[in-house]
Amino acid sequence: MSLATALRHVRPPSPLAGRLSVQSLLFALGEGAFMTGSAVFFTQIVGLSAAQVGLGLTVAGVAAFLAALPMGQLVDRFGPKRMWAVSAAGQAAMFALWPFITDFRGYLLMAVGMEVIGALGNAAHGAYTIDVLPPEERVKSRAYMYSALNLGFTLGSLIGGIALAFHSNDVLHALPWFTAVVFLVNAAAVSWLPRAPHDNRTPAQRKVRIPGPGPLRNPGWLLTSFFTGVFWTNQVLLNVVIPLWLVEQTDAPRVLLAFLFGTNTVMCVFLPMAAARGVTGLSTALRAVRVSSTFFVISCLITLATHDTVGWVTIALVWLGHVTVTGAELYLSAANWTFEAELMDPRQRGAYQGAAEMSATLGKVWAPAVFTFLAMNWGATGWLIIAGVIVVATFGIHQSTRMARRFLVRHVPADDLADARAASMAG
């Protein structure tokens, strides 16, 4: 491959996509750096027990779940760019306060606050990118941003790992301030982005209720989000079940885990745009879902076989199982971006983002316990049941997307609906 060809592959689809990718990288850089050292920070600096850390994260997760819809409604009212910048600045301020937390109560309040502000940022970021990107560039640009996000997490984890290598509480104490600075830079960069169409609403327009039924009255959207959450349990396979299976049920060396996660990182940096190629509407997004589900099922079948293999055969199969589940992640991402762009009421993208977060959480929150139990206790039968869950969800999402599409046709004016490109893509 020539240098010119290589540069074309790494060039953003548009200048705007490049700027948005910088935001993705900055966010992941700061988040990745702190999260890598967070367990040590909370236990060694704040002085919490592991049980307290886990309880705080659970409570914060529940708070984020409850806040998702109202945060999305704020995005619709005040504009996605403004709320995205507010969220980034708020998170910067929260990270700057972490070194001053000294007890469980402070940790709990901070964790809840972080998750609620993060819910605002998630809804705003999703609504802004769909709103500001031209329809023909949305999937390709989101894929490029996904690559930047994974690169940022990789660099952030490296920085966090270097901080841990010093074995110094003073260095760890500075880690949240590093993240705060990165998020503050991100907030400034977001404020310099162009305004999206829904940022141009006047104060008088913001006081008027957005017309049309909300996302909670759209069962097709809620079901589509739920099934998407079920598909995202590929991350449970990737990060929890396969590693546990490798350690407890195979003869593969534990050092293989580092190689597995390295392979996943490389694939998620360099292959999102390849997976997104050809995804242009609902019909092609559903095809990507079928490809993703096929990879998921193949991963289950390959991994269950490693229980009875030995030596290099086991190593090769475990690695292949990890590669295929990463393929499931990549194709699902491409499909999900299309669902977000084309199955939401374009007048209420923030609220739809919030509702999707709630419904998707219900689709995946149960998976760590259930999948781990099935694989570790039921062996091959358990793996087949896990694969069966994904097959059922694949059939389900084909029906739910049609329901969501019909709902939009009934309740959204044709001129507004054209913005989502749903009319010509329903297939």
Protein backbone atom coordinates (compact mmCIF):
# COMPACT_ATOMS: atom_id res chain seq x y z
CA MET A 1 0.00 0.00 0.00
CA SER A 2 1.43 3.41 -1.01
CA LEU A 3 1.77 6.27 1.45
CA ALA A 4 -0.92 8.23 -0.41
CA THR A 5 -3.35 5.31 -0.13
CA ALA A 6 -2.58 4.91 3.58
CA LEU A 7 -3.20 8.61 4.18
CA ARG A 8 -6.57 8.38 2.41
CA HIS A 9 -7.58 5.63 4.84
CA VAL A 10 -6.74 7.73 7.92
CA ARG A 11 -8.13 11.02 6.58
CA PRO A 12 -11.48 12.06 8.11
CA PRO A 13 -14.49 11.99 5.77
CA SER A 14 -14.85 15.77 6.18
CA PRO A 15 -13.25 18.62 8.15
CA LEU A 16 -16.22 18.57 10.55
CA ALA A 17 -15.81 14.83 11.12
CA GLY A 18 -12.17 15.52 11.90
CA ARG A 19 -13.09 18.13 14.51
CA LEU A 20 -15.67 15.83 16.07
CA SER A 21 -13.09 13.06 16.19
CA VAL A 22 -10.79 15.35 18.18
CA GLN A 23 -13.57 15.64 20.77
CA SER A 24 -13.91 11.86 20.87
CA LEU A 25 -10.17 11.47 21.37
CA LEU A 26 -10.01 14.12 24.10
CA PHE A 27 -12.95 12.63 25.99
CA ALA A 28 -11.51 9.11 25.86
CA LEU A 29 -8.00 10.32 26.72
CA GLY A 30 -9.17 11.92 29.95
CA GLU A 31 -11.66 9.19 30.83
CA GLY A 32 -9.23 6.38 30.04
CA ALA A 33 -6.41 7.89 32.08
CA PHE A 34 -8.55 8.26 35.19
CA MET A 35 -10.42 4.98 34.89
CA THR A 36 -7.18 3.00 34.60
CA GLY A 37 -6.07 4.19 38.00
CA SER A 38 -9.51 4.71 39.55
CA ALA A 39 -9.61 1.50 41.61
CA VAL A 40 -6.27 2.31 43.25
CA PHE A 41 -7.25 5.98 43.61
CA PHE A 42 -10.50 5.20 45.42
CA THR A 43 -8.95 2.64 47.76
CA GLN A 44 -5.53 4.19 48.42
CA ILE A 45 -6.30 7.92 48.20
CA VAL A 46 -9.93 8.18 49.27
CA GLY A 47 -9.62 5.20 51.62
CA LEU A 48 -12.67 3.24 50.53
CA SER A 49 -13.20 -0.49 50.67
CA ALA A 50 -13.83 -2.47 47.49
CA ALA A 51 -17.43 -3.01 48.62
CA GLN A 52 -17.96 0.74 49.00
CA VAL A 53 -16.54 1.39 45.54
CA GLY A 54 -18.88 -1.20 44.04
CA LEU A 55 -21.91 0.15 45.91
CA GLY A 56 -21.16 3.69 44.81
CA LEU A 57 -20.85 2.67 41.17
CA THR A 58 -24.16 0.78 41.38
CA VAL A 59 -26.01 3.75 42.91
CA ALA A 60 -24.46 6.08 40.34
CA GLY A 61 -25.53 3.74 37.55
CA VAL A 62 -29.12 3.79 38.82
CA ALA A 63 -28.98 7.60 38.97
CA ALA A 64 -27.75 7.77 35.36
CA PHE A 65 -30.57 5.44 34.30
CA LEU A 66 -33.20 7.66 35.95
CA ALA A 67 -31.63 10.88 34.65
CA ALA A 68 -31.27 9.78 31.02
CA LEU A 69 -34.70 10.91 29.78
CA PRO A 70 -34.88 14.29 31.60
CA MET A 71 -31.31 15.08 30.51
CA GLY A 72 -32.33 14.34 26.93
CA GLN A 73 -35.29 16.68 27.27
CA LEU A 74 -32.91 19.43 28.41
CA VAL A 75 -30.90 18.85 25.24
CA ASP A 76 -34.02 19.32 23.09
CA ARG A 77 -34.96 22.50 24.92
CA PHE A 78 -31.61 24.30 25.11
CA GLY A 79 -29.75 22.82 22.13
CA PRO A 80 -27.30 19.93 21.83
CA LYS A 81 -24.08 21.91 21.40
CA ARG A 82 -24.74 24.10 24.44
CA MET A 83 -25.62 21.13 26.63
CA TRP A 84 -22.61 19.15 25.38
CA ALA A 85 -20.28 21.99 26.32
CA VAL A 86 -21.99 22.39 29.71
CA SER A 87 -21.59 18.68 30.40
CA ALA A 88 -17.89 18.66 29.44
CA ALA A 89 -17.21 21.70 31.64
CA GLY A 90 -19.21 20.16 34.49
CA GLN A 91 -17.26 16.92 34.28
CA ALA A 92 -14.00 18.88 34.29
CA ALA A 93 -15.09 20.60 37.50
CA MET A 94 -16.10 17.30 39.08
CA PHE A 95 -12.78 15.64 38.25
CA ALA A 96 -10.95 18.63 39.75
CA LEU A 97 -12.80 18.02 43.03
CA TRP A 98 -11.97 14.30 43.28
CA PRO A 99 -8.67 14.84 45.19
CA PHE A 100 -10.63 16.59 47.95
CA ILE A 101 -13.00 13.66 48.58
CA THR A 102 -12.07 11.85 51.78
CA ASP A 103 -15.04 9.65 52.74
CA PHE A 104 -17.76 7.42 51.34
CA ARG A 105 -20.47 10.07 51.50
CA GLY A 106 -18.44 12.48 49.40
CA TYR A 107 -17.53 9.70 46.99
CA LEU A 108 -21.17 8.69 46.58
CA LEU A 109 -22.36 12.24 45.92
CA MET A 110 -19.55 12.80 43.45
CA ALA A 111 -20.15 9.51 41.63
CA VAL A 112 -23.86 10.27 41.26
CA GLY A 113 -23.13 13.79 40.07
CA MET A 114 -20.61 12.52 37.53
CA GLU A 115 -23.06 10.02 36.07
CA VAL A 116 -25.93 12.51 35.83
CA ILE A 117 -23.72 15.07 34.09
CA GLY A 118 -22.41 12.28 31.88
CA ALA A 119 -25.99 11.36 30.93
CA LEU A 120 -26.49 14.94 29.77
CA GLY A 121 -23.30 14.76 27.72
CA ASN A 122 -24.21 11.43 26.13
CA ALA A 123 -27.61 12.68 25.00
CA ALA A 124 -26.19 15.98 23.76
CA HIS A 125 -23.29 14.39 21.88
CA GLY A 126 -25.58 11.90 20.13
CA ALA A 127 -28.16 14.53 19.21
CA TYR A 128 -25.52 17.01 18.02
CA THR A 129 -23.67 14.61 15.74
CA ILE A 130 -26.87 13.43 14.06
CA ASP A 131 -28.14 16.99 13.78
CA VAL A 132 -24.99 18.60 12.37
CA LEU A 133 -23.65 15.91 10.02
CA PRO A 134 -25.05 15.66 6.47
CA PRO A 135 -27.17 12.49 6.10
CA GLU A 136 -24.83 10.93 3.54
CA GLU A 137 -21.85 11.34 5.91
CA ARG A 138 -23.36 10.28 9.23
CA VAL A 139 -22.39 6.61 9.41
CA LYS A 140 -18.95 7.10 7.86
CA SER A 141 -18.19 10.04 10.16
CA ARG A 142 -19.42 8.21 13.26
CA ALA A 143 -17.18 5.27 12.34
CA TYR A 144 -14.20 7.61 12.10
CA MET A 145 -15.11 9.10 15.49
CA TYR A 146 -15.36 5.58 16.95
CA SER A 147 -11.80 4.90 15.82
CA ALA A 148 -10.65 8.12 17.47
CA LEU A 149 -12.53 7.19 20.64
CA ASN A 150 -10.75 3.84 20.87
CA LEU A 151 -7.40 5.47 20.15
CA GLY A 152 -8.08 7.95 22.96
CA PHE A 153 -8.93 5.19 25.43
CA THR A 154 -5.73 3.39 24.46
CA LEU A 155 -3.59 6.48 25.03
CA GLY A 156 -5.45 7.29 28.23
CA SER A 157 -4.91 3.79 29.57
CA LEU A 158 -1.22 4.11 28.76
CA ILE A 159 -1.00 7.37 30.72
CA GLY A 160 -2.91 5.82 33.63
CA GLY A 161 -0.62 2.79 33.54
CA ILE A 162 2.47 5.01 33.66
CA ALA A 163 1.01 6.83 36.68
CA LEU A 164 0.44 3.49 38.44
CA ALA A 165 3.99 2.39 37.62
CA PHE A 166 5.40 5.14 39.85
CA HIS A 167 3.80 3.49 42.91
CA SER A 168 3.30 6.99 44.27
CA ASN A 169 0.16 8.36 45.88
CA ASP A 170 1.26 11.88 44.90
CA VAL A 171 1.23 10.91 41.23
CA LEU A 172 -2.16 9.23 41.60
CA HIS A 173 -3.44 12.32 43.39
CA ALA A 174 -2.68 14.35 40.26
CA LEU A 175 -4.43 11.96 37.87
CA PRO A 176 -7.95 13.46 38.22
CA TRP A 177 -6.48 16.94 37.69
CA PHE A 178 -4.95 15.74 34.42
CA THR A 179 -8.38 14.48 33.39
CA ALA A 180 -9.98 17.76 34.50
CA VAL A 181 -7.61 19.73 32.25
CA VAL A 182 -8.33 17.44 29.28
CA PHE A 183 -12.09 17.79 29.80
CA LEU A 184 -11.76 21.58 30.11
CA VAL A 185 -9.90 21.68 26.79
CA ASN A 186 -12.64 19.47 25.37
CA ALA A 187 -15.34 21.83 26.61
CA ALA A 188 -13.59 24.75 24.91
CA ALA A 189 -13.22 22.78 21.69
CA VAL A 190 -16.92 21.84 21.76
CA SER A 191 -17.88 25.49 22.17
CA TRP A 192 -15.93 26.29 18.97
CA LEU A 193 -17.83 23.76 16.88
CA PRO A 194 -20.48 25.04 14.46
CA ARG A 195 -24.02 25.34 15.73
CA ALA A 196 -26.35 22.50 14.82
CA PRO A 197 -29.82 23.35 13.43
CA HIS A 198 -31.48 22.69 16.79
CA ASP A 199 -29.04 25.08 18.50
CA ASN A 200 -30.65 27.95 16.56
CA ARG A 201 -33.96 27.92 18.39
CA THR A 202 -34.84 31.33 19.84
CA PRO A 203 -35.63 31.82 23.55
CA ALA A 204 -39.30 32.12 22.61
CA GLN A 205 -39.16 28.82 20.70
CA ARG A 206 -37.55 27.09 23.68
CA LYS A 207 -40.56 27.96 25.82
CA VAL A 208 -42.93 26.22 23.40
CA ARG A 209 -43.48 22.53 23.97
CA ILE A 210 -42.00 20.39 21.21
CA PRO A 211 -44.94 18.90 19.27
CA GLY A 212 -45.66 15.23 18.89
CA PRO A 213 -45.68 12.23 21.23
CA GLY A 214 -42.50 11.53 23.16
CA PRO A 215 -40.24 8.48 22.82
CA LEU A 216 -41.88 6.63 25.70
CA ARG A 217 -45.00 6.38 23.53
CA ASN A 218 -43.03 4.84 20.65
CA PRO A 219 -42.89 1.10 21.46
CA GLY A 220 -40.92 0.34 18.30
CA TRP A 221 -38.11 2.69 19.36
CA LEU A 222 -38.05 1.34 22.91
CA LEU A 223 -37.91 -2.25 21.67
CA THR A 224 -35.23 -1.43 19.10
CA SER A 225 -33.14 0.18 21.84
CA PHE A 226 -33.75 -2.80 24.12
CA PHE A 227 -32.62 -5.29 21.48
CA THR A 228 -29.60 -3.10 20.74
CA GLY A 229 -28.74 -3.35 24.43
CA VAL A 230 -29.01 -7.14 24.17
CA PHE A 231 -26.59 -7.09 21.22
CA TRP A 232 -24.18 -4.93 23.22
CA THR A 233 -23.78 -7.83 25.63
CA ASN A 234 -20.97 -8.72 23.22
CA GLN A 235 -18.93 -6.52 25.56
CA VAL A 236 -19.77 -8.86 28.43
CA LEU A 237 -18.47 -11.74 26.35
CA LEU A 238 -15.39 -9.75 25.40
CA ASN A 239 -14.43 -8.36 28.81
CA VAL A 240 -15.87 -10.84 31.32
CA VAL A 241 -17.02 -14.24 30.08
CA ILE A 242 -14.27 -15.17 27.62
CA PRO A 243 -11.45 -14.08 30.00
CA LEU A 244 -13.03 -16.07 32.86
CA TRP A 245 -13.52 -19.05 30.55
CA LEU A 246 -9.88 -18.85 29.47
CA VAL A 247 -8.64 -18.86 33.07
CA GLU A 248 -10.99 -21.48 34.53
CA GLN A 249 -12.02 -23.79 31.68
CA THR A 250 -9.05 -23.98 29.28
CA ASP A 251 -5.34 -24.74 29.38
CA ALA A 252 -4.44 -21.45 27.66
CA PRO A 253 -1.82 -19.29 29.45
CA ARG A 254 -3.19 -16.26 31.26
CA VAL A 255 -0.78 -13.95 29.46
CA LEU A 256 -2.91 -14.57 26.37
CA LEU A 257 -5.45 -12.13 27.85
CA ALA A 258 -3.15 -9.19 27.15
CA PHE A 259 -2.83 -10.27 23.53
CA LEU A 260 -6.61 -10.66 23.23
CA PHE A 261 -7.35 -7.16 24.48
CA GLY A 262 -4.56 -5.76 22.32
CA THR A 263 -6.12 -7.38 19.26
CA ASN A 264 -9.52 -5.89 20.15
CA THR A 265 -8.00 -2.43 20.54
CA VAL A 266 -6.20 -2.56 17.20
CA MET A 267 -9.34 -3.77 15.41
CA CYS A 268 -11.51 -1.07 16.99
CA VAL A 269 -9.05 1.66 15.98
CA PHE A 270 -8.50 0.61 12.38
CA LEU A 271 -11.63 -1.27 11.23
CA PRO A 272 -14.79 0.73 12.14
CA MET A 273 -14.93 2.51 8.78
CA ALA A 274 -14.51 -0.79 6.93
CA ALA A 275 -17.40 -2.31 8.90
CA ALA A 276 -19.56 0.76 8.24
CA ARG A 277 -18.95 0.71 4.50
CA GLY A 278 -22.21 0.05 2.67
CA VAL A 279 -24.47 0.85 5.66
CA THR A 280 -26.67 3.55 4.13
CA GLY A 281 -30.16 3.00 5.52
CA LEU A 282 -32.40 0.76 7.57
CA SER A 283 -32.21 -2.25 5.27
CA THR A 284 -28.42 -2.21 5.19
CA ALA A 285 -28.30 -1.54 8.94
CA LEU A 286 -30.39 -4.65 9.55
CA ARG A 287 -28.03 -6.57 7.31
CA ALA A 288 -25.15 -5.34 9.50
CA VAL A 289 -27.08 -6.59 12.54
CA ARG A 290 -27.32 -10.02 10.95
CA VAL A 291 -23.58 -10.01 10.28
CA SER A 292 -22.92 -8.89 13.88
CA SER A 293 -25.17 -11.63 15.27
CA THR A 294 -23.48 -14.24 13.08
CA PHE A 295 -20.09 -13.22 14.46
CA PHE A 296 -21.50 -13.39 18.01
CA VAL A 297 -22.88 -16.90 17.50
CA ILE A 298 -19.66 -18.09 15.86
CA SER A 299 -17.70 -16.74 18.83
CA CYS A 300 -19.88 -18.75 21.21
CA LEU A 301 -19.41 -21.95 19.17
CA ILE A 302 -15.64 -21.48 18.90
CA THR A 303 -15.20 -20.67 22.58
CA LEU A 304 -17.25 -23.60 23.86
CA ALA A 305 -15.03 -25.93 21.79
CA THR A 306 -11.90 -24.78 23.65
CA HIS A 307 -12.99 -26.69 26.76
CA ASP A 308 -11.72 -29.91 25.17
CA THR A 309 -8.75 -28.66 23.14
CA VAL A 310 -5.13 -28.44 24.25
CA GLY A 311 -2.03 -26.36 23.64
CA TRP A 312 -1.73 -24.19 20.56
CA VAL A 313 -5.15 -25.27 19.30
CA THR A 314 -6.73 -23.75 22.39
CA ILE A 315 -4.73 -20.55 22.04
CA ALA A 316 -5.67 -20.17 18.38
CA LEU A 317 -9.37 -20.84 18.99
CA VAL A 318 -9.63 -18.50 22.00
CA TRP A 319 -8.00 -15.77 19.93
CA LEU A 320 -10.36 -16.45 17.02
CA GLY A 321 -13.33 -16.31 19.39
CA HIS A 322 -12.16 -12.89 20.56
CA VAL A 323 -11.70 -11.67 16.99
CA THR A 324 -15.21 -12.74 15.99
CA VAL A 325 -16.85 -11.09 19.00
CA THR A 326 -14.94 -7.91 18.10
CA GLY A 327 -16.41 -8.24 14.61
CA ALA A 328 -19.84 -8.37 16.26
CA GLU A 329 -19.02 -5.09 18.04
CA LEU A 330 -17.89 -3.32 14.86
CA TYR A 331 -20.90 -4.24 12.72
CA LEU A 332 -23.32 -3.50 15.55
CA SER A 333 -21.85 -0.01 15.92
CA ALA A 334 -22.47 0.75 12.25
CA ALA A 335 -26.07 -0.47 12.49
CA ASN A 336 -26.74 1.40 15.71
CA TRP A 337 -25.64 4.74 14.25
CA THR A 338 -28.15 4.28 11.44
CA PHE A 339 -30.98 3.41 13.85
CA GLU A 340 -30.22 6.57 15.84
CA ALA A 341 -30.23 8.73 12.72
CA GLU A 342 -33.34 7.34 11.07
CA LEU A 343 -35.70 6.03 13.76
CA MET A 344 -35.83 9.06 16.05
CA ASP A 345 -38.24 11.96 15.78
CA PRO A 346 -35.83 14.65 14.47
CA ARG A 347 -37.60 17.24 16.63
CA GLN A 348 -36.88 15.28 19.85
CA ARG A 349 -33.47 13.72 19.35
CA GLY A 350 -32.33 14.48 22.87
CA ALA A 351 -35.35 12.82 24.47
CA TYR A 352 -35.03 9.85 22.11
CA GLN A 353 -31.36 9.50 23.06
CA GLY A 354 -32.31 9.50 26.74
CA ALA A 355 -35.08 6.95 26.25
CA ALA A 356 -32.72 4.76 24.22
CA GLU A 357 -30.16 4.83 27.03
CA MET A 358 -32.79 3.67 29.52
CA SER A 359 -34.14 0.90 27.32
CA ALA A 360 -30.70 -0.32 26.19
CA THR A 361 -29.61 -0.52 29.83
CA LEU A 362 -32.51 -2.87 30.54
CA GLY A 363 -31.39 -4.95 27.57
CA LYS A 364 -27.87 -5.54 28.90
CA VAL A 365 -27.70 -4.94 32.66
CA TRP A 366 -28.56 -8.55 33.45
CA ALA A 367 -25.93 -10.07 31.18
CA PRO A 368 -22.79 -10.18 33.37
CA ALA A 369 -24.43 -12.40 35.96
CA VAL A 370 -26.54 -14.50 33.57
CA PHE A 371 -23.92 -15.09 30.87
CA THR A 372 -21.23 -15.89 33.42
CA PHE A 373 -23.49 -18.38 35.17
CA LEU A 374 -24.54 -20.06 31.92
CA ALA A 375 -21.01 -20.41 30.55
CA MET A 376 -19.29 -21.47 33.76
CA ASN A 377 -21.97 -23.78 35.12
CA TRP A 378 -23.76 -25.18 32.07
CA GLY A 379 -20.81 -25.43 29.69
CA ALA A 380 -21.74 -26.10 26.07
CA THR A 381 -25.47 -25.85 26.82
CA GLY A 382 -24.91 -22.47 28.42
CA TRP A 383 -22.98 -21.18 25.41
CA LEU A 384 -25.76 -22.34 23.08
CA ILE A 385 -28.35 -20.53 25.20
CA ILE A 386 -26.24 -17.35 25.06
CA ALA A 387 -26.10 -17.67 21.27
CA GLY A 388 -29.85 -18.34 21.21
CA VAL A 389 -30.55 -15.08 23.06
CA ILE A 390 -28.81 -13.17 20.27
CA VAL A 391 -30.68 -15.09 17.56
CA VAL A 392 -34.03 -14.21 19.19
CA ALA A 393 -33.00 -10.55 19.49
CA THR A 394 -32.04 -10.54 15.80
CA PHE A 395 -35.52 -11.65 14.80
CA GLY A 396 -37.02 -9.16 17.24
CA ILE A 397 -35.19 -6.07 16.01
CA HIS A 398 -36.40 -6.62 12.44
CA GLN A 399 -39.97 -6.29 13.72
CA SER A 400 -39.28 -3.43 16.14
CA THR A 401 -37.59 -1.23 13.52
CA ARG A 402 -40.67 -1.56 11.31
CA MET A 403 -42.85 -0.59 14.27
CA ALA A 404 -40.67 2.45 14.97
CA ARG A 405 -40.78 3.47 11.32
CA ARG A 406 -44.59 3.21 11.17
CA PHE A 407 -44.85 5.31 14.35
CA LEU A 408 -42.79 8.09 12.76
CA VAL A 409 -44.90 8.05 9.60
CA ARG A 410 -48.06 8.43 11.69
CA HIS A 411 -46.86 11.13 14.08
CA VAL A 412 -44.11 13.17 12.40
CA PRO A 413 -44.77 15.62 9.54
CA ALA A 414 -43.28 14.49 6.24
CA ASP A 415 -40.99 17.53 6.00
CA ASP A 416 -39.48 16.79 9.41
CA LEU A 417 -39.28 13.09 8.72
CA ALA A 418 -37.30 13.68 5.53
CA ASP A 419 -34.46 14.97 7.71
CA ALA A 420 -34.03 11.46 9.11
CA ARG A 421 -33.90 9.91 5.61
CA ALA A 422 -36.39 7.31 6.78
CA ALA A 423 -38.85 7.76 3.94
CA SER A 424 -36.65 6.35 1.20
CA MET A 425 -34.75 3.83 3.28
CA ALA A 426 -37.41 1.81 5.08
CA GLY A 427 -36.95 -1.15 2.76
